[in-house]
Full PDB file with SEQRES, HELIX, SHEET, SSBOND, CRYST1, ORIGX, SCALE, CONECT and MASTER records, all heavy atoms in Angstrom:
SEQRES   1 A   36  PRO VAL SER ALA PRO GLU ASP GLY SER ASP TYR HIS TRP          
SEQRES   2 A   36  GLY TYR VAL ALA ARG SER ASP GLY MET LEU ILE GLY SER          
SEQRES   3 A   36  ALA THR ARG ALA ALA ALA ALA TRP LYS ASN                      
SHEET    1 AA1 2 TYR A  11  SER A  19  0                                        
SHEET    2 AA1 2 MET A  22  ARG A  29 -1                                        
CRYST1    1.000    1.000    1.000  90.00  90.00  90.00 P 1           1          
ORIGX1      1.000000  0.000000  0.000000        0.00000                         
ORIGX2      0.000000  1.000000  0.000000        0.00000                         
ORIGX3      0.000000  0.000000  1.000000        0.00000                         
SCALE1      1.000000  0.000000  0.000000        0.00000                         
SCALE2      0.000000  1.000000  0.000000        0.00000                         
SCALE3      0.000000  0.000000  1.000000        0.00000                         
ATOM      1  N   PRO A   1       1.802  -9.862  20.583  1.00  0.00           N  
ATOM      2  CA  PRO A   1       3.137  -9.202  20.373  1.00  0.00           C  
ATOM      3  C   PRO A   1       2.968  -7.765  19.870  1.00  0.00           C  
ATOM      4  O   PRO A   1       1.942  -7.414  19.300  1.00  0.00           O  
ATOM      5  CB  PRO A   1       3.771 -10.092  19.287  1.00  0.00           C  
ATOM      6  CG  PRO A   1       2.622 -10.686  18.591  1.00  0.00           C  
ATOM      7  CD  PRO A   1       1.536 -10.960  19.640  1.00  0.00           C  
ATOM      8  N   VAL A   2       3.919  -6.862  20.172  1.00  0.00           N  
ATOM      9  CA  VAL A   2       3.925  -5.584  19.691  1.00  0.00           C  
ATOM     10  C   VAL A   2       4.103  -5.528  18.162  1.00  0.00           C  
ATOM     11  O   VAL A   2       4.784  -6.302  17.603  1.00  0.00           O  
ATOM     12  CB  VAL A   2       5.046  -4.721  20.405  1.00  0.00           C  
ATOM     13  CG1 VAL A   2       6.452  -5.227  20.053  1.00  0.00           C  
ATOM     14  CG2 VAL A   2       4.921  -3.246  20.119  1.00  0.00           C  
ATOM     15  N   SER A   3       3.366  -4.645  17.515  1.00  0.00           N  
ATOM     16  CA  SER A   3       3.543  -4.390  16.132  1.00  0.00           C  
ATOM     17  C   SER A   3       4.625  -3.367  16.010  1.00  0.00           C  
ATOM     18  O   SER A   3       4.426  -2.200  16.146  1.00  0.00           O  
ATOM     19  CB  SER A   3       2.226  -3.880  15.449  1.00  0.00           C  
ATOM     20  OG  SER A   3       2.410  -3.512  14.162  1.00  0.00           O  
ATOM     21  N   ALA A   4       5.821  -3.802  15.598  1.00  0.00           N  
ATOM     22  CA  ALA A   4       6.970  -2.898  15.632  1.00  0.00           C  
ATOM     23  C   ALA A   4       7.611  -2.723  14.232  1.00  0.00           C  
ATOM     24  O   ALA A   4       7.493  -3.569  13.374  1.00  0.00           O  
ATOM     25  CB  ALA A   4       8.109  -3.458  16.504  1.00  0.00           C  
ATOM     26  N   PRO A   5       8.254  -1.522  14.017  1.00  0.00           N  
ATOM     27  CA  PRO A   5       8.938  -1.316  12.784  1.00  0.00           C  
ATOM     28  C   PRO A   5      10.060  -2.332  12.631  1.00  0.00           C  
ATOM     29  O   PRO A   5      10.703  -2.753  13.545  1.00  0.00           O  
ATOM     30  CB  PRO A   5       9.499   0.116  12.920  1.00  0.00           C  
ATOM     31  CG  PRO A   5       8.617   0.772  13.939  1.00  0.00           C  
ATOM     32  CD  PRO A   5       8.204  -0.322  14.905  1.00  0.00           C  
ATOM     33  N   GLU A   6      10.352  -2.749  11.389  1.00  0.00           N  
ATOM     34  CA  GLU A   6      11.397  -3.710  11.132  1.00  0.00           C  
ATOM     35  C   GLU A   6      12.716  -2.960  10.789  1.00  0.00           C  
ATOM     36  O   GLU A   6      13.112  -3.018   9.652  1.00  0.00           O  
ATOM     37  CB  GLU A   6      10.982  -4.623  10.055  1.00  0.00           C  
ATOM     38  CG  GLU A   6       9.778  -5.551  10.451  1.00  0.00           C  
ATOM     39  CD  GLU A   6       9.389  -6.445   9.359  1.00  0.00           C  
ATOM     40  OE1 GLU A   6      10.017  -6.494   8.267  1.00  0.00           O  
ATOM     41  OE2 GLU A   6       8.362  -7.242   9.428  1.00  0.00           O  
ATOM     42  N   ASP A   7      13.328  -2.347  11.743  1.00  0.00           N  
ATOM     43  CA  ASP A   7      14.515  -1.539  11.577  1.00  0.00           C  
ATOM     44  C   ASP A   7      15.669  -2.121  12.357  1.00  0.00           C  
ATOM     45  O   ASP A   7      16.739  -1.456  12.467  1.00  0.00           O  
ATOM     46  CB  ASP A   7      14.277  -0.092  11.849  1.00  0.00           C  
ATOM     47  CG  ASP A   7      13.850   0.115  13.281  1.00  0.00           C  
ATOM     48  OD1 ASP A   7      13.853  -0.821  14.040  1.00  0.00           O  
ATOM     49  OD2 ASP A   7      13.590   1.301  13.645  1.00  0.00           O  
ATOM     50  N   GLY A   8      15.610  -3.252  12.924  1.00  0.00           N  
ATOM     51  CA  GLY A   8      16.601  -3.834  13.704  1.00  0.00           C  
ATOM     52  C   GLY A   8      16.718  -3.441  15.111  1.00  0.00           C  
ATOM     53  O   GLY A   8      17.551  -3.941  15.849  1.00  0.00           O  
ATOM     54  N   SER A   9      15.887  -2.421  15.548  1.00  0.00           N  
ATOM     55  CA  SER A   9      15.871  -2.032  16.976  1.00  0.00           C  
ATOM     56  C   SER A   9      14.981  -2.929  17.835  1.00  0.00           C  
ATOM     57  O   SER A   9      14.117  -3.649  17.274  1.00  0.00           O  
ATOM     58  CB  SER A   9      15.374  -0.591  17.086  1.00  0.00           C  
ATOM     59  OG  SER A   9      16.188   0.303  16.387  1.00  0.00           O  
ATOM     60  N   ASP A  10      15.277  -2.989  19.039  1.00  0.00           N  
ATOM     61  CA  ASP A  10      14.448  -3.729  20.067  1.00  0.00           C  
ATOM     62  C   ASP A  10      13.213  -2.864  20.519  1.00  0.00           C  
ATOM     63  O   ASP A  10      13.553  -1.792  21.126  1.00  0.00           O  
ATOM     64  CB  ASP A  10      15.327  -4.189  21.196  1.00  0.00           C  
ATOM     65  CG  ASP A  10      14.585  -5.193  22.160  1.00  0.00           C  
ATOM     66  OD1 ASP A  10      13.585  -5.619  21.789  1.00  0.00           O  
ATOM     67  OD2 ASP A  10      15.172  -5.385  23.246  1.00  0.00           O  
ATOM     68  N   TYR A  11      12.048  -3.381  20.315  1.00  0.00           N  
ATOM     69  CA  TYR A  11      10.900  -2.551  20.657  1.00  0.00           C  
ATOM     70  C   TYR A  11      10.114  -3.253  21.795  1.00  0.00           C  
ATOM     71  O   TYR A  11       9.911  -4.438  21.817  1.00  0.00           O  
ATOM     72  CB  TYR A  11       9.983  -2.339  19.390  1.00  0.00           C  
ATOM     73  CG  TYR A  11      10.557  -1.307  18.454  1.00  0.00           C  
ATOM     74  CD1 TYR A  11      11.275  -1.719  17.396  1.00  0.00           C  
ATOM     75  CD2 TYR A  11      10.290   0.054  18.612  1.00  0.00           C  
ATOM     76  CE1 TYR A  11      11.789  -0.755  16.451  1.00  0.00           C  
ATOM     77  CE2 TYR A  11      10.729   1.042  17.760  1.00  0.00           C  
ATOM     78  CZ  TYR A  11      11.427   0.602  16.702  1.00  0.00           C  
ATOM     79  OH  TYR A  11      11.961   1.561  15.801  1.00  0.00           O  
ATOM     80  N   HIS A  12       9.560  -2.417  22.648  1.00  0.00           N  
ATOM     81  CA  HIS A  12       8.554  -2.777  23.612  1.00  0.00           C  
ATOM     82  C   HIS A  12       7.204  -2.240  23.322  1.00  0.00           C  
ATOM     83  O   HIS A  12       7.137  -1.183  22.610  1.00  0.00           O  
ATOM     84  CB  HIS A  12       9.049  -2.475  25.044  1.00  0.00           C  
ATOM     85  CG  HIS A  12      10.061  -3.299  25.549  1.00  0.00           C  
ATOM     86  ND1 HIS A  12      10.652  -3.182  26.790  1.00  0.00           N  
ATOM     87  CD2 HIS A  12      10.675  -4.445  25.055  1.00  0.00           C  
ATOM     88  CE1 HIS A  12      11.535  -4.095  27.034  1.00  0.00           C  
ATOM     89  NE2 HIS A  12      11.634  -4.893  26.012  1.00  0.00           N  
ATOM     90  N   TRP A  13       6.192  -2.768  23.962  1.00  0.00           N  
ATOM     91  CA  TRP A  13       4.845  -2.190  23.866  1.00  0.00           C  
ATOM     92  C   TRP A  13       4.741  -0.974  24.748  1.00  0.00           C  
ATOM     93  O   TRP A  13       5.067  -1.008  25.890  1.00  0.00           O  
ATOM     94  CB  TRP A  13       3.812  -3.268  24.252  1.00  0.00           C  
ATOM     95  CG  TRP A  13       2.407  -2.930  23.892  1.00  0.00           C  
ATOM     96  CD1 TRP A  13       1.656  -1.875  24.298  1.00  0.00           C  
ATOM     97  CD2 TRP A  13       1.510  -3.749  23.033  1.00  0.00           C  
ATOM     98  NE1 TRP A  13       0.390  -1.946  23.734  1.00  0.00           N  
ATOM     99  CE2 TRP A  13       0.275  -3.097  23.033  1.00  0.00           C  
ATOM    100  CE3 TRP A  13       1.638  -4.948  22.406  1.00  0.00           C  
ATOM    101  CZ2 TRP A  13      -0.819  -3.645  22.340  1.00  0.00           C  
ATOM    102  CZ3 TRP A  13       0.597  -5.433  21.638  1.00  0.00           C  
ATOM    103  CH2 TRP A  13      -0.672  -4.752  21.607  1.00  0.00           C  
ATOM    104  N   GLY A  14       4.288   0.153  24.193  1.00  0.00           N  
ATOM    105  CA  GLY A  14       4.167   1.447  25.018  1.00  0.00           C  
ATOM    106  C   GLY A  14       2.785   1.722  25.452  1.00  0.00           C  
ATOM    107  O   GLY A  14       2.397   1.274  26.484  1.00  0.00           O  
ATOM    108  N   TYR A  15       2.103   2.515  24.662  1.00  0.00           N  
ATOM    109  CA  TYR A  15       0.717   2.933  24.946  1.00  0.00           C  
ATOM    110  C   TYR A  15      -0.167   1.672  24.767  1.00  0.00           C  
ATOM    111  O   TYR A  15       0.006   0.787  23.908  1.00  0.00           O  
ATOM    112  CB  TYR A  15       0.354   4.067  24.020  1.00  0.00           C  
ATOM    113  CG  TYR A  15      -1.108   4.439  24.150  1.00  0.00           C  
ATOM    114  CD1 TYR A  15      -1.570   5.343  25.136  1.00  0.00           C  
ATOM    115  CD2 TYR A  15      -2.171   3.953  23.314  1.00  0.00           C  
ATOM    116  CE1 TYR A  15      -2.860   5.799  25.217  1.00  0.00           C  
ATOM    117  CE2 TYR A  15      -3.439   4.421  23.331  1.00  0.00           C  
ATOM    118  CZ  TYR A  15      -3.762   5.343  24.333  1.00  0.00           C  
ATOM    119  OH  TYR A  15      -5.133   5.731  24.411  1.00  0.00           O  
ATOM    120  N   VAL A  16      -1.286   1.580  25.611  1.00  0.00           N  
ATOM    121  CA  VAL A  16      -2.266   0.588  25.380  1.00  0.00           C  
ATOM    122  C   VAL A  16      -3.685   1.127  25.805  1.00  0.00           C  
ATOM    123  O   VAL A  16      -3.824   1.829  26.779  1.00  0.00           O  
ATOM    124  CB  VAL A  16      -2.000  -0.709  26.242  1.00  0.00           C  
ATOM    125  CG1 VAL A  16      -2.013  -0.368  27.676  1.00  0.00           C  
ATOM    126  CG2 VAL A  16      -2.946  -1.856  25.861  1.00  0.00           C  
ATOM    127  N   ALA A  17      -4.733   0.854  24.936  1.00  0.00           N  
ATOM    128  CA  ALA A  17      -6.063   1.248  25.214  1.00  0.00           C  
ATOM    129  C   ALA A  17      -7.052   0.419  24.417  1.00  0.00           C  
ATOM    130  O   ALA A  17      -6.626  -0.112  23.392  1.00  0.00           O  
ATOM    131  CB  ALA A  17      -6.237   2.724  24.853  1.00  0.00           C  
ATOM    132  N   ARG A  18      -8.268   0.320  24.892  1.00  0.00           N  
ATOM    133  CA  ARG A  18      -9.378  -0.261  24.189  1.00  0.00           C  
ATOM    134  C   ARG A  18     -10.270   0.843  23.731  1.00  0.00           C  
ATOM    135  O   ARG A  18     -10.825   1.614  24.521  1.00  0.00           O  
ATOM    136  CB  ARG A  18     -10.110  -1.152  25.091  1.00  0.00           C  
ATOM    137  CG  ARG A  18      -9.386  -2.493  25.294  1.00  0.00           C  
ATOM    138  CD  ARG A  18      -9.534  -3.454  24.091  1.00  0.00           C  
ATOM    139  NE  ARG A  18     -10.814  -4.103  24.086  1.00  0.00           N  
ATOM    140  CZ  ARG A  18     -11.708  -4.067  23.085  1.00  0.00           C  
ATOM    141  NH1 ARG A  18     -11.513  -3.244  22.072  1.00  0.00           N  
ATOM    142  NH2 ARG A  18     -12.851  -4.709  23.179  1.00  0.00           N  
ATOM    143  N   SER A  19     -10.434   0.965  22.434  1.00  0.00           N  
ATOM    144  CA  SER A  19     -11.306   2.031  21.899  1.00  0.00           C  
ATOM    145  C   SER A  19     -11.810   1.627  20.519  1.00  0.00           C  
ATOM    146  O   SER A  19     -11.097   1.064  19.710  1.00  0.00           O  
ATOM    147  CB  SER A  19     -10.458   3.317  21.821  1.00  0.00           C  
ATOM    148  OG  SER A  19     -11.285   4.339  21.345  1.00  0.00           O  
ATOM    149  N   ASP A  20     -13.040   1.977  20.264  1.00  0.00           N  
ATOM    150  CA  ASP A  20     -13.674   1.680  18.979  1.00  0.00           C  
ATOM    151  C   ASP A  20     -13.568   0.300  18.491  1.00  0.00           C  
ATOM    152  O   ASP A  20     -13.357   0.017  17.303  1.00  0.00           O  
ATOM    153  CB  ASP A  20     -13.116   2.723  17.903  1.00  0.00           C  
ATOM    154  CG  ASP A  20     -13.398   4.196  18.285  1.00  0.00           C  
ATOM    155  OD1 ASP A  20     -14.572   4.568  18.141  1.00  0.00           O  
ATOM    156  OD2 ASP A  20     -12.513   4.898  18.699  1.00  0.00           O  
ATOM    157  N   GLY A  21     -13.658  -0.633  19.394  1.00  0.00           N  
ATOM    158  CA  GLY A  21     -13.651  -2.045  19.000  1.00  0.00           C  
ATOM    159  C   GLY A  21     -12.234  -2.527  18.814  1.00  0.00           C  
ATOM    160  O   GLY A  21     -12.048  -3.775  18.483  1.00  0.00           O  
ATOM    161  N   MET A  22     -11.185  -1.764  18.992  1.00  0.00           N  
ATOM    162  CA  MET A  22      -9.860  -2.123  18.767  1.00  0.00           C  
ATOM    163  C   MET A  22      -9.063  -2.155  20.001  1.00  0.00           C  
ATOM    164  O   MET A  22      -9.356  -1.393  20.947  1.00  0.00           O  
ATOM    165  CB  MET A  22      -9.208  -1.247  17.706  1.00  0.00           C  
ATOM    166  CG  MET A  22      -9.859  -1.185  16.324  1.00  0.00           C  
ATOM    167  SD  MET A  22      -9.486  -2.728  15.465  1.00  0.00           S  
ATOM    168  CE  MET A  22     -10.300  -2.355  13.869  1.00  0.00           C  
ATOM    169  N   LEU A  23      -7.889  -2.776  19.973  1.00  0.00           N  
ATOM    170  CA  LEU A  23      -6.855  -2.660  21.044  1.00  0.00           C  
ATOM    171  C   LEU A  23      -5.820  -1.697  20.313  1.00  0.00           C  
ATOM    172  O   LEU A  23      -5.152  -2.133  19.416  1.00  0.00           O  
ATOM    173  CB  LEU A  23      -6.275  -3.992  21.365  1.00  0.00           C  
ATOM    174  CG  LEU A  23      -5.138  -4.006  22.413  1.00  0.00           C  
ATOM    175  CD1 LEU A  23      -5.692  -3.477  23.746  1.00  0.00           C  
ATOM    176  CD2 LEU A  23      -4.500  -5.346  22.577  1.00  0.00           C  
ATOM    177  N   ILE A  24      -5.628  -0.563  20.929  1.00  0.00           N  
ATOM    178  CA  ILE A  24      -4.750   0.401  20.365  1.00  0.00           C  
ATOM    179  C   ILE A  24      -3.402   0.308  21.155  1.00  0.00           C  
ATOM    180  O   ILE A  24      -3.364   0.283  22.359  1.00  0.00           O  
ATOM    181  CB  ILE A  24      -5.301   1.890  20.545  1.00  0.00           C  
ATOM    182  CG1 ILE A  24      -6.706   1.947  19.985  1.00  0.00           C  
ATOM    183  CG2 ILE A  24      -4.310   2.823  19.804  1.00  0.00           C  
ATOM    184  CD1 ILE A  24      -6.780   1.653  18.434  1.00  0.00           C  
ATOM    185  N   GLY A  25      -2.292   0.338  20.398  1.00  0.00           N  
ATOM    186  CA  GLY A  25      -1.021   0.139  20.987  1.00  0.00           C  
ATOM    187  C   GLY A  25       0.030   1.060  20.340  1.00  0.00           C  
ATOM    188  O   GLY A  25      -0.222   1.641  19.349  1.00  0.00           O  
ATOM    189  N   SER A  26       1.196   1.172  20.971  1.00  0.00           N  
ATOM    190  CA  SER A  26       2.265   1.859  20.327  1.00  0.00           C  
ATOM    191  C   SER A  26       3.591   1.032  20.549  1.00  0.00           C  
ATOM    192  O   SER A  26       3.704   0.245  21.568  1.00  0.00           O  
ATOM    193  CB  SER A  26       2.517   3.220  20.831  1.00  0.00           C  
ATOM    194  OG  SER A  26       3.033   3.301  22.151  1.00  0.00           O  
ATOM    195  N   ALA A  27       4.561   1.250  19.714  1.00  0.00           N  
ATOM    196  CA  ALA A  27       5.886   0.559  19.755  1.00  0.00           C  
ATOM    197  C   ALA A  27       6.886   1.555  20.143  1.00  0.00           C  
ATOM    198  O   ALA A  27       7.061   2.571  19.374  1.00  0.00           O  
ATOM    199  CB  ALA A  27       6.173  -0.159  18.564  1.00  0.00           C  
ATOM    200  N   THR A  28       7.656   1.398  21.212  1.00  0.00           N  
ATOM    201  CA  THR A  28       8.630   2.289  21.634  1.00  0.00           C  
ATOM    202  C   THR A  28       9.959   1.490  21.856  1.00  0.00           C  
ATOM    203  O   THR A  28       9.945   0.314  22.009  1.00  0.00           O  
ATOM    204  CB  THR A  28       8.348   3.092  22.827  1.00  0.00           C  
ATOM    205  OG1 THR A  28       9.317   4.111  23.140  1.00  0.00           O  
ATOM    206  CG2 THR A  28       8.145   2.266  24.079  1.00  0.00           C  
ATOM    207  N   ARG A  29      11.184   2.195  21.867  1.00  0.00           N  
ATOM    208  CA  ARG A  29      12.416   1.537  22.030  1.00  0.00           C  
ATOM    209  C   ARG A  29      12.372   0.785  23.443  1.00  0.00           C  
ATOM    210  O   ARG A  29      11.838   1.448  24.448  1.00  0.00           O  
ATOM    211  CB  ARG A  29      13.535   2.522  21.941  1.00  0.00           C  
ATOM    212  CG  ARG A  29      13.630   3.125  20.567  1.00  0.00           C  
ATOM    213  CD  ARG A  29      14.057   2.138  19.486  1.00  0.00           C  
ATOM    214  NE  ARG A  29      14.046   2.777  18.122  1.00  0.00           N  
ATOM    215  CZ  ARG A  29      14.994   3.528  17.630  1.00  0.00           C  
ATOM    216  NH1 ARG A  29      16.076   3.779  18.297  1.00  0.00           N  
ATOM    217  NH2 ARG A  29      14.847   4.010  16.390  1.00  0.00           N  
ATOM    218  N   ALA A  30      13.138  -0.291  23.589  1.00  0.00           N  
ATOM    219  CA  ALA A  30      12.961  -1.136  24.791  1.00  0.00           C  
ATOM    220  C   ALA A  30      13.481  -0.409  26.040  1.00  0.00           C  
ATOM    221  O   ALA A  30      12.968  -0.642  27.153  1.00  0.00           O  
ATOM    222  CB  ALA A  30      13.847  -2.344  24.587  1.00  0.00           C  
ATOM    223  N   ALA A  31      14.389   0.560  25.980  1.00  0.00           N  
ATOM    224  CA  ALA A  31      14.923   1.151  27.170  1.00  0.00           C  
ATOM    225  C   ALA A  31      14.227   2.502  27.521  1.00  0.00           C  
ATOM    226  O   ALA A  31      14.650   3.179  28.425  1.00  0.00           O  
ATOM    227  CB  ALA A  31      16.417   1.451  26.929  1.00  0.00           C  
ATOM    228  N   ALA A  32      13.073   2.852  26.859  1.00  0.00           N  
ATOM    229  CA  ALA A  32      12.547   4.165  27.020  1.00  0.00           C  
ATOM    230  C   ALA A  32      11.739   4.357  28.252  1.00  0.00           C  
ATOM    231  O   ALA A  32      11.933   5.363  28.941  1.00  0.00           O  
ATOM    232  CB  ALA A  32      11.620   4.449  25.824  1.00  0.00           C  
ATOM    233  N   ALA A  33      10.932   3.373  28.690  1.00  0.00           N  
ATOM    234  CA  ALA A  33       9.980   3.542  29.846  1.00  0.00           C  
ATOM    235  C   ALA A  33      10.764   3.751  31.140  1.00  0.00           C  
ATOM    236  O   ALA A  33      11.901   3.143  31.335  1.00  0.00           O  
ATOM    237  CB  ALA A  33       9.084   2.314  29.971  1.00  0.00           C  
ATOM    238  N   TRP A  34      10.212   4.567  32.013  1.00  0.00           N  
ATOM    239  CA  TRP A  34      10.836   4.849  33.366  1.00  0.00           C  
ATOM    240  C   TRP A  34      10.467   3.705  34.292  1.00  0.00           C  
ATOM    241  O   TRP A  34       9.322   3.386  34.445  1.00  0.00           O  
ATOM    242  CB  TRP A  34      10.309   6.100  33.928  1.00  0.00           C  
ATOM    243  CG  TRP A  34      10.676   7.375  33.197  1.00  0.00           C  
ATOM    244  CD1 TRP A  34       9.966   8.005  32.268  1.00  0.00           C  
ATOM    245  CD2 TRP A  34      11.930   8.016  33.208  1.00  0.00           C  
ATOM    246  NE1 TRP A  34      10.589   9.040  31.682  1.00  0.00           N  
ATOM    247  CE2 TRP A  34      11.819   9.163  32.288  1.00  0.00           C  
ATOM    248  CE3 TRP A  34      13.118   7.844  33.915  1.00  0.00           C  
ATOM    249  CZ2 TRP A  34      12.892  10.037  32.088  1.00  0.00           C  
ATOM    250  CZ3 TRP A  34      14.157   8.795  33.744  1.00  0.00           C  
ATOM    251  CH2 TRP A  34      14.013   9.851  32.846  1.00  0.00           C  
ATOM    252  N   LYS A  35      11.520   3.047  34.912  1.00  0.00           N  
ATOM    253  CA  LYS A  35      11.245   1.852  35.765  1.00  0.00           C  
ATOM    254  C   LYS A  35      11.944   2.006  37.088  1.00  0.00           C  
ATOM    255  O   LYS A  35      11.991   1.128  37.925  1.00  0.00           O  
ATOM    256  CB  LYS A  35      11.666   0.605  35.131  1.00  0.00           C  
ATOM    257  CG  LYS A  35      10.930   0.291  33.858  1.00  0.00           C  
ATOM    258  CD  LYS A  35      11.305  -1.078  33.293  1.00  0.00           C  
ATOM    259  CE  LYS A  35      10.397  -1.410  32.066  1.00  0.00           C  
ATOM    260  NZ  LYS A  35      10.695  -2.705  31.467  1.00  0.00           N  
ATOM    261  N   ASN A  36      12.532   3.253  37.411  1.00  0.00           N  
ATOM    262  CA  ASN A  36      13.128   3.473  38.619  1.00  0.00           C  
ATOM    263  C   ASN A  36      12.205   4.085  39.718  1.00  0.00           C  
ATOM    264  O   ASN A  36      11.515   5.088  39.417  1.00  0.00           O  
ATOM    265  CB  ASN A  36      14.283   4.459  38.485  1.00  0.00           C  
ATOM    266  CG  ASN A  36      15.044   4.792  39.796  1.00  0.00           C  
ATOM    267  OD1 ASN A  36      15.161   3.991  40.630  1.00  0.00           O  
ATOM    268  ND2 ASN A  36      15.386   6.080  39.898  1.00  0.00           N  
TER     269      ASN A  36                                                      
MASTER        0    0    0    0    2    0    0    6  268    1    0    3          
END                                                                             
């Protein structure tokens, strides 16, 4: 699951990478990414 702020907004997983032994990710608002 995405590690998201607990502010009541709906978050999706944004950035993703494998680096320095970790899985790096970001949390962005659900409607942000371009899908058209």
